């Protein structure tokens, strides 16, 4: 299992539209709006880090209105 927290910057006035599209992705377990440098944070849980990269690049970053992402990977102690 691979866990990623994806910070997402969104074009102004597109926050709700992008939120709704990301919320429909089966790999996204949690999604929250933020105030500050990034507009959204998504908790993505997938099989491996290759799939995590695929979700970020091909699903999240391809959404109209997404300007930038930063992915933090999680590990278990």
PDB file of N, CA and C in Angstrom:
ATOM      1  N   UNK A   1       0.827  -1.179   0.000  1.00  0.00           N
ATOM      2  CA  UNK A   1       0.000   0.000   0.000  1.00  0.00           C
ATOM      3  C   UNK A   1       0.874   1.247   0.000  1.00  0.00           C
ATOM      4  N   UNK A   2       0.450   2.247  -0.758  1.00  0.00           N
ATOM      5  CA  UNK A   2       1.149   3.532  -0.797  1.00  0.00           C
ATOM      6  C   UNK A   2       0.173   4.627  -0.400  1.00  0.00           C
ATOM      7  N   UNK A   3       0.665   5.547   0.393  1.00  0.00           N
ATOM      8  CA  UNK A   3      -0.147   6.649   0.901  1.00  0.00           C
ATOM      9  C   UNK A   3       0.488   7.959   0.477  1.00  0.00           C
ATOM     10  N   UNK A   4      -0.325   8.843  -0.077  1.00  0.00           N
ATOM     11  CA  UNK A   4       0.168  10.159  -0.470  1.00  0.00           C
ATOM     12  C   UNK A   4      -0.793  11.248  -0.045  1.00  0.00           C
ATOM     13  N   UNK A   5      -0.248  12.356   0.397  1.00  0.00           N
ATOM     14  CA  UNK A   5      -1.026  13.547   0.677  1.00  0.00           C
ATOM     15  C   UNK A   5      -0.677  14.542  -0.418  1.00  0.00           C
ATOM     16  N   UNK A   6      -1.671  14.896  -1.225  1.00  0.00           N
ATOM     17  CA  UNK A   6      -1.427  15.738  -2.384  1.00  0.00           C
ATOM     18  C   UNK A   6      -1.966  17.137  -2.105  1.00  0.00           C
ATOM     19  N   UNK A   7      -1.060  18.108  -2.066  1.00  0.00           N
ATOM     20  CA  UNK A   7      -1.418  19.516  -1.925  1.00  0.00           C
ATOM     21  C   UNK A   7      -1.686  20.051  -3.321  1.00  0.00           C
ATOM     22  N   UNK A   8      -2.786  20.772  -3.496  1.00  0.00           N
ATOM     23  CA  UNK A   8      -3.238  21.164  -4.827  1.00  0.00           C
ATOM     24  C   UNK A   8      -3.531  22.660  -4.874  1.00  0.00           C
ATOM     25  N   UNK A   9      -2.911  23.351  -5.847  1.00  0.00           N
ATOM     26  CA  UNK A   9      -3.223  24.759  -6.120  1.00  0.00           C
ATOM     27  C   UNK A   9      -4.235  24.791  -7.247  1.00  0.00           C
ATOM     28  N   UNK A  10      -5.235  25.661  -7.104  1.00  0.00           N
ATOM     29  CA  UNK A  10      -6.348  25.721  -8.052  1.00  0.00           C
ATOM     30  C   UNK A  10      -6.507  27.153  -8.562  1.00  0.00           C
ATOM     31  N   UNK A  11      -6.926  27.279  -9.815  1.00  0.00           N
ATOM     32  CA  UNK A  11      -7.240  28.597 -10.383  1.00  0.00           C
ATOM     33  C   UNK A  11      -8.322  29.265  -9.544  1.00  0.00           C
ATOM     34  N   UNK A  12      -8.224  30.577  -9.355  1.00  0.00           N
ATOM     35  CA  UNK A  12      -9.261  31.285  -8.612  1.00  0.00           C
ATOM     36  C   UNK A  12     -10.645  31.041  -9.208  1.00  0.00           C
ATOM     37  N   UNK A  13     -11.620  30.886  -8.341  1.00  0.00           N
ATOM     38  CA  UNK A  13     -13.020  30.680  -8.690  1.00  0.00           C
ATOM     39  C   UNK A  13     -13.330  29.287  -9.249  1.00  0.00           C
ATOM     40  N   UNK A  14     -12.370  28.376  -9.216  1.00  0.00           N
ATOM     41  CA  UNK A  14     -12.607  27.010  -9.702  1.00  0.00           C
ATOM     42  C   UNK A  14     -12.496  25.987  -8.573  1.00  0.00           C
ATOM     43  N   UNK A  15     -12.374  26.462  -7.345  1.00  0.00           N
ATOM     44  CA  UNK A  15     -12.133  25.570  -6.224  1.00  0.00           C
ATOM     45  C   UNK A  15     -13.225  24.501  -6.087  1.00  0.00           C
ATOM     46  N   UNK A  16     -14.482  24.891  -6.132  1.00  0.00           N
ATOM     47  CA  UNK A  16     -15.582  23.937  -5.947  1.00  0.00           C
ATOM     48  C   UNK A  16     -15.624  22.916  -7.084  1.00  0.00           C
ATOM     49  N   UNK A  17     -15.449  23.381  -8.295  1.00  0.00           N
ATOM     50  CA  UNK A  17     -15.463  22.498  -9.469  1.00  0.00           C
ATOM     51  C   UNK A  17     -14.350  21.447  -9.377  1.00  0.00           C
ATOM     52  N   UNK A  18     -13.136  21.887  -9.035  1.00  0.00           N
ATOM     53  CA  UNK A  18     -12.004  20.961  -8.909  1.00  0.00           C
ATOM     54  C   UNK A  18     -12.230  20.022  -7.726  1.00  0.00           C
ATOM     55  N   UNK A  19     -12.708  20.552  -6.621  1.00  0.00           N
ATOM     56  CA  UNK A  19     -13.004  19.727  -5.443  1.00  0.00           C
ATOM     57  C   UNK A  19     -13.956  18.593  -5.817  1.00  0.00           C
ATOM     58  N   UNK A  20     -15.034  18.927  -6.510  1.00  0.00           N
ATOM     59  CA  UNK A  20     -16.033  17.917  -6.876  1.00  0.00           C
ATOM     60  C   UNK A  20     -15.449  16.834  -7.783  1.00  0.00           C
ATOM     61  N   UNK A  21     -14.593  17.212  -8.726  1.00  0.00           N
ATOM     62  CA  UNK A  21     -13.983  16.218  -9.622  1.00  0.00           C
ATOM     63  C   UNK A  21     -13.020  15.308  -8.868  1.00  0.00           C
ATOM     64  N   UNK A  22     -12.203  15.887  -7.997  1.00  0.00           N
ATOM     65  CA  UNK A  22     -11.248  15.077  -7.237  1.00  0.00           C
ATOM     66  C   UNK A  22     -11.983  14.149  -6.272  1.00  0.00           C
ATOM     67  N   UNK A  23     -13.050  14.630  -5.680  1.00  0.00           N
ATOM     68  CA  UNK A  23     -13.817  13.817  -4.728  1.00  0.00           C
ATOM     69  C   UNK A  23     -14.390  12.562  -5.381  1.00  0.00           C
ATOM     70  N   UNK A  24     -14.593  12.570  -6.681  1.00  0.00           N
ATOM     71  CA  UNK A  24     -15.130  11.404  -7.393  1.00  0.00           C
ATOM     72  C   UNK A  24     -14.087  10.325  -7.669  1.00  0.00           C
ATOM     73  N   UNK A  25     -12.810  10.640  -7.490  1.00  0.00           N
ATOM     74  CA  UNK A  25     -11.763   9.646  -7.756  1.00  0.00           C
ATOM     75  C   UNK A  25     -11.772   8.581  -6.663  1.00  0.00           C
ATOM     76  N   UNK A  26     -11.810   7.320  -7.055  1.00  0.00           N
ATOM     77  CA  UNK A  26     -11.903   6.221  -6.083  1.00  0.00           C
ATOM     78  C   UNK A  26     -10.653   6.125  -5.210  1.00  0.00           C
ATOM     79  N   UNK A  27      -9.527   6.600  -5.699  1.00  0.00           N
ATOM     80  CA  UNK A  27      -8.274   6.520  -4.946  1.00  0.00           C
ATOM     81  C   UNK A  27      -8.182   7.573  -3.839  1.00  0.00           C
ATOM     82  N   UNK A  28      -9.030   8.584  -3.897  1.00  0.00           N
ATOM     83  CA  UNK A  28      -9.005   9.666  -2.905  1.00  0.00           C
ATOM     84  C   UNK A  28      -9.910   9.287  -1.739  1.00  0.00           C
ATOM     85  N   UNK A  29      -9.284   9.044  -0.580  1.00  0.00           N
ATOM     86  CA  UNK A  29     -10.038   8.644   0.616  1.00  0.00           C
ATOM     87  C   UNK A  29     -10.556   9.839   1.403  1.00  0.00           C
ATOM     88  N   UNK A  30      -9.806  10.946   1.370  1.00  0.00           N
ATOM     89  CA  UNK A  30     -10.223  12.159   2.080  1.00  0.00           C
ATOM     90  C   UNK A  30      -9.804  13.361   1.254  1.00  0.00           C
ATOM     91  N   UNK A  31     -10.580  14.440   1.356  1.00  0.00           N
ATOM     92  CA  UNK A  31     -10.294  15.660   0.616  1.00  0.00           C
ATOM     93  C   UNK A  31     -10.788  16.843   1.433  1.00  0.00           C
ATOM     94  N   UNK A  32      -9.915  17.842   1.600  1.00  0.00           N
ATOM     95  CA  UNK A  32     -10.261  19.004   2.413  1.00  0.00           C
ATOM     96  C   UNK A  32      -9.819  20.290   1.730  1.00  0.00           C
ATOM     97  N   UNK A  33     -10.639  21.345   1.824  1.00  0.00           N
ATOM     98  CA  UNK A  33     -10.199  22.661   1.367  1.00  0.00           C
ATOM     99  C   UNK A  33      -9.221  23.256   2.384  1.00  0.00           C
ATOM    100  N   UNK A  34      -8.328  24.089   1.900  1.00  0.00           N
ATOM    101  CA  UNK A  34      -7.325  24.734   2.747  1.00  0.00           C
ATOM    102  C   UNK A  34      -7.322  26.236   2.504  1.00  0.00           C
ATOM    103  N   UNK A  35      -6.760  26.976   3.442  1.00  0.00           N
ATOM    104  CA  UNK A  35      -6.460  28.392   3.256  1.00  0.00           C
ATOM    105  C   UNK A  35      -4.951  28.510   3.273  1.00  0.00           C
ATOM    106  N   UNK A  36      -4.394  29.276   2.374  1.00  0.00           N
ATOM    107  CA  UNK A  36      -2.948  29.449   2.351  1.00  0.00           C
ATOM    108  C   UNK A  36      -2.384  29.194   0.977  1.00  0.00           C
ATOM    109  N   UNK A  37      -1.158  28.697   0.935  1.00  0.00           N
ATOM    110  CA  UNK A  37      -0.447  28.494  -0.327  1.00  0.00           C
ATOM    111  C   UNK A  37      -1.159  27.496  -1.241  1.00  0.00           C
ATOM    112  N   UNK A  38      -1.752  26.458  -0.659  1.00  0.00           N
ATOM    113  CA  UNK A  38      -2.487  25.454  -1.432  1.00  0.00           C
ATOM    114  C   UNK A  38      -3.974  25.553  -1.104  1.00  0.00           C
ATOM    115  N   UNK A  39      -4.799  25.117  -2.043  1.00  0.00           N
ATOM    116  CA  UNK A  39      -6.249  25.238  -1.901  1.00  0.00           C
ATOM    117  C   UNK A  39      -6.930  23.965  -1.421  1.00  0.00           C
ATOM    118  N   UNK A  40      -6.353  22.807  -1.735  1.00  0.00           N
ATOM    119  CA  UNK A  40      -6.932  21.511  -1.359  1.00  0.00           C
ATOM    120  C   UNK A  40      -5.841  20.565  -0.909  1.00  0.00           C
ATOM    121  N   UNK A  41      -6.226  19.602  -0.075  1.00  0.00           N
ATOM    122  CA  UNK A  41      -5.335  18.494   0.257  1.00  0.00           C
ATOM    123  C   UNK A  41      -6.141  17.210   0.117  1.00  0.00           C
ATOM    124  N   UNK A  42      -5.555  16.254  -0.617  1.00  0.00           N
ATOM    125  CA  UNK A  42      -6.212  14.977  -0.863  1.00  0.00           C
ATOM    126  C   UNK A  42      -5.368  13.851  -0.279  1.00  0.00           C
ATOM    127  N   UNK A  43      -6.025  12.947   0.433  1.00  0.00           N
ATOM    128  CA  UNK A  43      -5.360  11.735   0.929  1.00  0.00           C
ATOM    129  C   UNK A  43      -5.626  10.651  -0.108  1.00  0.00           C
ATOM    130  N   UNK A  44      -4.549  10.177  -0.738  1.00  0.00           N
ATOM    131  CA  UNK A  44      -4.649   9.178  -1.793  1.00  0.00           C
ATOM    132  C   UNK A  44      -4.045   7.869  -1.290  1.00  0.00           C
ATOM    133  N   UNK A  45      -4.815   6.788  -1.386  1.00  0.00           N
ATOM    134  CA  UNK A  45      -4.337   5.471  -0.977  1.00  0.00           C
ATOM    135  C   UNK A  45      -4.438   4.534  -2.181  1.00  0.00           C
ATOM    136  N   UNK A  46      -3.298   3.961  -2.552  1.00  0.00           N
ATOM    137  CA  UNK A  46      -3.223   3.095  -3.724  1.00  0.00           C
ATOM    138  C   UNK A  46      -2.325   1.891  -3.435  1.00  0.00           C
ATOM    139  N   UNK A  47      -2.185   1.045  -4.423  1.00  0.00           N
ATOM    140  CA  UNK A  47      -1.422  -0.200  -4.297  1.00  0.00           C
ATOM    141  C   UNK A  47       0.083   0.035  -4.094  1.00  0.00           C
ATOM    142  N   UNK A  48       0.671   0.953  -4.902  1.00  0.00           N
ATOM    143  CA  UNK A  48       2.116   1.189  -4.833  1.00  0.00           C
ATOM    144  C   UNK A  48       2.425   2.616  -5.294  1.00  0.00           C
ATOM    145  N   UNK A  49       3.692   2.992  -5.202  1.00  0.00           N
ATOM    146  CA  UNK A  49       4.064   4.368  -5.534  1.00  0.00           C
ATOM    147  C   UNK A  49       3.973   4.655  -7.030  1.00  0.00           C
ATOM    148  N   UNK A  50       4.077   3.649  -7.850  1.00  0.00           N
ATOM    149  CA  UNK A  50       3.877   3.838  -9.288  1.00  0.00           C
ATOM    150  C   UNK A  50       2.429   4.268  -9.559  1.00  0.00           C
ATOM    151  N   UNK A  51       1.490   3.607  -8.899  1.00  0.00           N
ATOM    152  CA  UNK A  51       0.083   3.979  -9.059  1.00  0.00           C
ATOM    153  C   UNK A  51      -0.184   5.367  -8.478  1.00  0.00           C
ATOM    154  N   UNK A  52       0.489   5.712  -7.391  1.00  0.00           N
ATOM    155  CA  UNK A  52       0.341   7.046  -6.810  1.00  0.00           C
ATOM    156  C   UNK A  52       0.753   8.110  -7.830  1.00  0.00           C
ATOM    157  N   UNK A  53       1.876   7.899  -8.480  1.00  0.00           N
ATOM    158  CA  UNK A  53       2.323   8.836  -9.513  1.00  0.00           C
ATOM    159  C   UNK A  53       1.325   8.939 -10.653  1.00  0.00           C
ATOM    160  N   UNK A  54       0.750   7.819 -11.036  1.00  0.00           N
ATOM    161  CA  UNK A  54      -0.242   7.810 -12.108  1.00  0.00           C
ATOM    162  C   UNK A  54      -1.477   8.619 -11.721  1.00  0.00           C
ATOM    163  N   UNK A  55      -1.950   8.444 -10.491  1.00  0.00           N
ATOM    164  CA  UNK A  55      -3.133   9.183 -10.032  1.00  0.00           C
ATOM    165  C   UNK A  55      -2.848  10.676 -10.026  1.00  0.00           C
ATOM    166  N   UNK A  56      -1.686  11.064  -9.515  1.00  0.00           N
ATOM    167  CA  UNK A  56      -1.359  12.495  -9.431  1.00  0.00           C
ATOM    168  C   UNK A  56      -1.205  13.097 -10.822  1.00  0.00           C
ATOM    169  N   UNK A  57      -0.415  12.462 -11.669  1.00  0.00           N
ATOM    170  CA  UNK A  57      -0.121  13.034 -12.987  1.00  0.00           C
ATOM    171  C   UNK A  57      -1.298  12.917 -13.952  1.00  0.00           C
ATOM    172  N   UNK A  58      -1.890  11.752 -14.042  1.00  0.00           N
ATOM    173  CA  UNK A  58      -2.894  11.512 -15.079  1.00  0.00           C
ATOM    174  C   UNK A  58      -4.336  11.786 -14.661  1.00  0.00           C
ATOM    175  N   UNK A  59      -4.599  11.845 -13.380  1.00  0.00           N
ATOM    176  CA  UNK A  59      -5.965  12.101 -12.943  1.00  0.00           C
ATOM    177  C   UNK A  59      -6.108  13.483 -12.310  1.00  0.00           C
ATOM    178  N   UNK A  60      -5.305  13.777 -11.281  1.00  0.00           N
ATOM    179  CA  UNK A  60      -5.458  15.054 -10.575  1.00  0.00           C
ATOM    180  C   UNK A  60      -4.931  16.219 -11.398  1.00  0.00           C
ATOM    181  N   UNK A  61      -3.704  16.106 -11.895  1.00  0.00           N
ATOM    182  CA  UNK A  61      -3.101  17.237 -12.624  1.00  0.00           C
ATOM    183  C   UNK A  61      -3.777  17.498 -13.964  1.00  0.00           C
ATOM    184  N   UNK A  62      -4.536  16.538 -14.476  1.00  0.00           N
ATOM    185  CA  UNK A  62      -5.206  16.729 -15.760  1.00  0.00           C
ATOM    186  C   UNK A  62      -6.552  17.452 -15.625  1.00  0.00           C
ATOM    187  N   UNK A  63      -7.001  17.684 -14.400  1.00  0.00           N
ATOM    188  CA  UNK A  63      -8.277  18.370 -14.171  1.00  0.00           C
ATOM    189  C   UNK A  63      -8.121  19.851 -14.502  1.00  0.00           C
ATOM    190  N   UNK A  64      -9.053  20.359 -15.292  1.00  0.00           N
ATOM    191  CA  UNK A  64      -9.022  21.773 -15.663  1.00  0.00           C
ATOM    192  C   UNK A  64      -9.172  22.631 -14.406  1.00  0.00           C
ATOM    193  N   UNK A  65      -8.228  23.538 -14.213  1.00  0.00           N
ATOM    194  CA  UNK A  65      -8.231  24.397 -13.035  1.00  0.00           C
ATOM    195  C   UNK A  65      -7.140  24.052 -12.038  1.00  0.00           C
ATOM    196  N   UNK A  66      -6.546  22.868 -12.147  1.00  0.00           N
ATOM    197  CA  UNK A  66      -5.425  22.504 -11.270  1.00  0.00           C
ATOM    198  C   UNK A  66      -4.171  23.171 -11.819  1.00  0.00           C
ATOM    199  N   UNK A  67      -3.537  23.991 -10.988  1.00  0.00           N
ATOM    200  CA  UNK A  67      -2.345  24.726 -11.406  1.00  0.00           C
ATOM    201  C   UNK A  67      -1.054  24.031 -11.018  1.00  0.00           C
ATOM    202  N   UNK A  68      -1.039  23.395  -9.844  1.00  0.00           N
ATOM    203  CA  UNK A  68       0.194  22.814  -9.320  1.00  0.00           C
ATOM    204  C   UNK A  68      -0.155  21.809  -8.250  1.00  0.00           C
ATOM    205  N   UNK A  69       0.723  20.831  -8.057  1.00  0.00           N
ATOM    206  CA  UNK A  69       0.551  19.875  -6.966  1.00  0.00           C
ATOM    207  C   UNK A  69       1.894  19.652  -6.278  1.00  0.00           C
ATOM    208  N   UNK A  70       1.808  19.200  -5.048  1.00  0.00           N
ATOM    209  CA  UNK A  70       2.982  18.773  -4.288  1.00  0.00           C
ATOM    210  C   UNK A  70       2.558  17.532  -3.540  1.00  0.00           C
ATOM    211  N   UNK A  71       3.258  16.421  -3.748  1.00  0.00           N
ATOM    212  CA  UNK A  71       2.874  15.159  -3.140  1.00  0.00           C
ATOM    213  C   UNK A  71       3.835  14.789  -2.017  1.00  0.00           C
ATOM    214  N   UNK A  72       3.266  14.535  -0.847  1.00  0.00           N
ATOM    215  CA  UNK A  72       4.022  14.065   0.308  1.00  0.00           C
ATOM    216  C   UNK A  72       3.646  12.607   0.513  1.00  0.00           C
ATOM    217  N   UNK A  73       4.662  11.738   0.561  1.00  0.00           N
ATOM    218  CA  UNK A  73       4.361  10.326   0.736  1.00  0.00           C
ATOM    219  C   UNK A  73       4.411   9.964   2.220  1.00  0.00           C
ATOM    220  N   UNK A  74       3.521   9.087   2.608  1.00  0.00           N
ATOM    221  CA  UNK A  74       3.441   8.651   3.987  1.00  0.00           C
ATOM    222  C   UNK A  74       3.997   7.250   4.154  1.00  0.00           C
ATOM    223  N   UNK A  75       4.501   6.966   5.347  1.00  0.00           N
ATOM    224  CA  UNK A  75       5.017   5.637   5.684  1.00  0.00           C
ATOM    225  C   UNK A  75       4.443   5.233   7.032  1.00  0.00           C
ATOM    226  N   UNK A  76       4.477   3.958   7.310  1.00  0.00           N
ATOM    227  CA  UNK A  76       4.032   3.474   8.619  1.00  0.00           C
ATOM    228  C   UNK A  76       5.249   3.179   9.483  1.00  0.00           C
ATOM    229  N   UNK A  77       5.160   3.509  10.764  1.00  0.00           N
ATOM    230  CA  UNK A  77       6.242   3.206  11.715  1.00  0.00           C
ATOM    231  C   UNK A  77       6.104   1.785  12.188  1.00  0.00           C
TER     232      UNK A  77
END
